[in-house]
Amino acid sequence: MVRRIEEIAKKVCSENGLTLYNVETKRTTKGLVVPVFITKVGGVTLGDCQKISRIIGDILDQEDFINERFYLEVSSPGLERELKYKMHYTGAIGEKVKITYKNENSNVYKMGILKEVLPEKINIECGNDIFSINFKDIKKAKTYFDYKRKI
């Protein structure tokens, strides 16, 4: 089901100058919630979200493969967004990131600037040091926005 929603959302986004960031499903007391996250250079507008939601919603209603009540939510992934796929990391180069990864028998936490994404690992800058972290060892990663920093 999620795969088909991703296919639909990816096609709709591509046809409308946007990029699909991620699709999830969550079970709640009110039914199945289907968050669809979209991006574009310069940022996503409310109008973009409304348009994509309407198109995807119409297609989901026509195809009728979700066999329960569902709620479609289309939005941007936000300032602090989860990094799940290599394309997410590539899109976050130059941004501050928080990474939790496995190192031997313990979890290690690093925060720094994502400098490079390579086929098997990423490099982040923490102060004057560069740390290489293998993708296979990453347990959790997200961008980090410093709300206290003055612009």
Protein backbone atom coordinates (compact mmCIF):
# COMPACT_ATOMS: atom_id res chain seq x y z
CA MET A 1 0.00 0.00 0.00
CA VAL A 2 2.71 2.52 0.99
CA ARG A 3 4.69 1.67 -2.14
CA ARG A 4 1.68 2.46 -4.37
CA ILE A 5 1.05 5.74 -2.53
CA GLU A 6 4.74 6.62 -3.02
CA GLU A 7 4.48 5.88 -6.75
CA ILE A 8 1.42 8.09 -7.09
CA ALA A 9 2.90 10.92 -4.99
CA LYS A 10 6.24 10.80 -6.81
CA LYS A 11 4.56 11.08 -10.21
CA VAL A 12 2.23 13.89 -9.08
CA CYS A 13 5.12 15.83 -7.53
CA SER A 14 7.29 15.41 -10.61
CA GLU A 15 4.50 16.67 -12.87
CA ASN A 16 4.10 19.76 -10.67
CA GLY A 17 7.73 20.84 -10.14
CA LEU A 18 8.07 19.34 -6.67
CA THR A 19 10.01 16.46 -5.15
CA LEU A 20 8.57 13.71 -2.96
CA TYR A 21 10.52 13.62 0.32
CA ASN A 22 8.76 10.80 2.14
CA VAL A 23 5.47 8.94 2.63
CA GLU A 24 4.42 7.38 5.92
CA THR A 25 1.36 5.71 7.38
CA LYS A 26 0.25 5.95 11.00
CA ARG A 27 -2.62 4.24 12.74
CA THR A 28 -4.58 6.51 15.06
CA THR A 29 -7.88 6.30 16.91
CA LYS A 30 -9.54 8.21 14.07
CA GLY A 31 -8.20 5.88 11.37
CA LEU A 32 -5.21 5.60 9.08
CA VAL A 33 -3.22 8.83 8.61
CA VAL A 34 -1.10 9.11 5.44
CA PRO A 35 1.46 11.94 5.76
CA VAL A 36 3.08 12.88 2.43
CA PHE A 37 6.09 15.20 2.63
CA ILE A 38 7.07 17.31 -0.39
CA THR A 39 9.92 19.71 -1.15
CA LYS A 40 11.10 22.14 -3.79
CA VAL A 41 13.92 24.60 -4.20
CA GLY A 42 12.91 27.83 -2.49
CA GLY A 43 10.45 26.06 -0.20
CA VAL A 44 6.98 24.59 -0.36
CA THR A 45 3.96 26.91 -0.17
CA LEU A 46 0.54 26.26 1.30
CA GLY A 47 -0.79 26.38 -2.25
CA ASP A 48 1.63 23.62 -3.28
CA CYS A 49 0.40 21.43 -0.42
CA GLN A 50 -3.25 22.07 -1.25
CA LYS A 51 -2.78 21.33 -4.96
CA ILE A 52 -0.79 18.12 -4.40
CA SER A 53 -3.22 16.97 -1.70
CA ARG A 54 -6.18 17.45 -4.02
CA ILE A 55 -4.53 15.58 -6.93
CA ILE A 56 -3.24 12.68 -4.81
CA GLY A 57 -6.56 12.47 -2.93
CA ASP A 58 -8.50 12.24 -6.21
CA ILE A 59 -6.23 9.46 -7.47
CA LEU A 60 -6.48 7.53 -4.19
CA ASP A 61 -10.28 7.84 -4.31
CA GLN A 62 -10.36 6.62 -7.94
CA GLU A 63 -8.03 3.68 -7.37
CA ASP A 64 -9.73 2.79 -4.06
CA PHE A 65 -7.01 0.39 -2.82
CA ILE A 66 -6.92 1.62 0.79
CA ASN A 67 -9.50 -0.59 2.47
CA GLU A 68 -10.19 1.61 5.47
CA ARG A 69 -10.93 5.21 6.40
CA PHE A 70 -7.82 7.33 5.84
CA TYR A 71 -6.71 10.94 6.18
CA LEU A 72 -4.21 12.35 3.69
CA GLU A 73 -1.86 15.04 5.04
CA VAL A 74 0.46 16.83 2.60
CA SER A 75 3.16 19.16 3.99
CA SER A 76 6.82 20.08 3.81
CA PRO A 77 9.14 17.96 5.98
CA GLY A 78 9.96 21.07 8.03
CA LEU A 79 13.16 22.68 9.27
CA GLU A 80 14.10 19.65 11.34
CA ARG A 81 13.52 16.63 9.16
CA GLU A 82 14.40 12.99 9.42
CA LEU A 83 17.14 11.73 7.11
CA LYS A 84 16.20 8.23 5.94
CA TYR A 85 17.42 7.89 2.38
CA LYS A 86 20.69 8.84 0.72
CA MET A 87 18.90 11.57 -1.26
CA HIS A 88 17.84 13.13 2.08
CA TYR A 89 21.48 13.30 3.18
CA THR A 90 22.57 14.75 -0.16
CA GLY A 91 19.91 17.45 0.13
CA ALA A 92 21.17 18.33 3.62
CA ILE A 93 24.84 18.94 2.74
CA GLY A 94 25.95 22.11 4.50
CA GLU A 95 23.24 21.86 7.16
CA LYS A 96 23.60 21.09 10.86
CA VAL A 97 22.67 17.46 11.61
CA LYS A 98 22.19 15.27 14.67
CA ILE A 99 23.33 11.67 14.17
CA THR A 100 23.05 8.66 16.47
CA TYR A 101 25.10 5.70 15.32
CA LYS A 102 26.41 2.37 16.54
CA ASN A 103 30.10 2.20 17.45
CA GLU A 104 31.11 -1.28 18.62
CA ASN A 105 28.81 -2.02 21.60
CA SER A 106 27.43 1.47 22.25
CA ASN A 107 25.48 4.26 20.63
CA VAL A 108 27.34 7.48 19.85
CA TYR A 109 25.73 10.88 19.31
CA LYS A 110 27.27 13.59 17.11
CA MET A 111 26.06 17.01 16.05
CA GLY A 112 27.80 18.93 13.31
CA ILE A 113 27.71 20.14 9.73
CA LEU A 114 27.11 17.51 7.05
CA LYS A 115 30.05 18.02 4.71
CA GLU A 116 30.01 15.06 2.33
CA VAL A 117 27.89 12.11 1.29
CA LEU A 118 29.82 9.19 -0.17
CA PRO A 119 28.54 5.80 -1.40
CA GLU A 120 29.07 4.04 1.95
CA LYS A 121 29.43 6.86 4.50
CA ILE A 122 28.94 10.48 5.42
CA ASN A 123 31.42 13.01 6.76
CA ILE A 124 30.34 15.54 9.37
CA GLU A 125 32.34 18.44 10.77
CA CYS A 126 32.21 18.85 14.54
CA GLY A 127 34.29 21.88 15.52
CA ASN A 128 37.70 21.34 13.93
CA ASP A 129 37.25 17.59 13.51
CA ILE A 130 35.76 15.58 10.63
CA PHE A 131 34.00 12.32 11.52
CA SER A 132 33.18 9.58 9.02
CA ILE A 133 30.10 7.51 9.78
CA ASN A 134 29.07 4.45 7.77
CA PHE A 135 25.45 4.45 6.61
CA LYS A 136 25.01 0.91 7.96
CA ASP A 137 25.86 2.14 11.48
CA ILE A 138 23.43 5.09 11.54
CA LYS A 139 20.47 4.48 13.84
CA LYS A 140 18.85 7.93 13.63
CA ALA A 141 19.63 11.12 11.75
CA LYS A 142 17.89 14.46 11.31
CA THR A 143 18.64 18.02 10.41
CA TYR A 144 18.86 20.43 13.30
CA PHE A 145 17.74 24.04 13.35
CA ASP A 146 19.31 26.28 15.99
CA TYR A 147 16.35 28.37 17.18
CA LYS A 148 18.58 30.45 19.44
CA ARG A 149 20.88 31.59 16.63
CA LYS A 150 20.27 35.17 15.61
CA ILE A 151 19.73 35.76 11.93
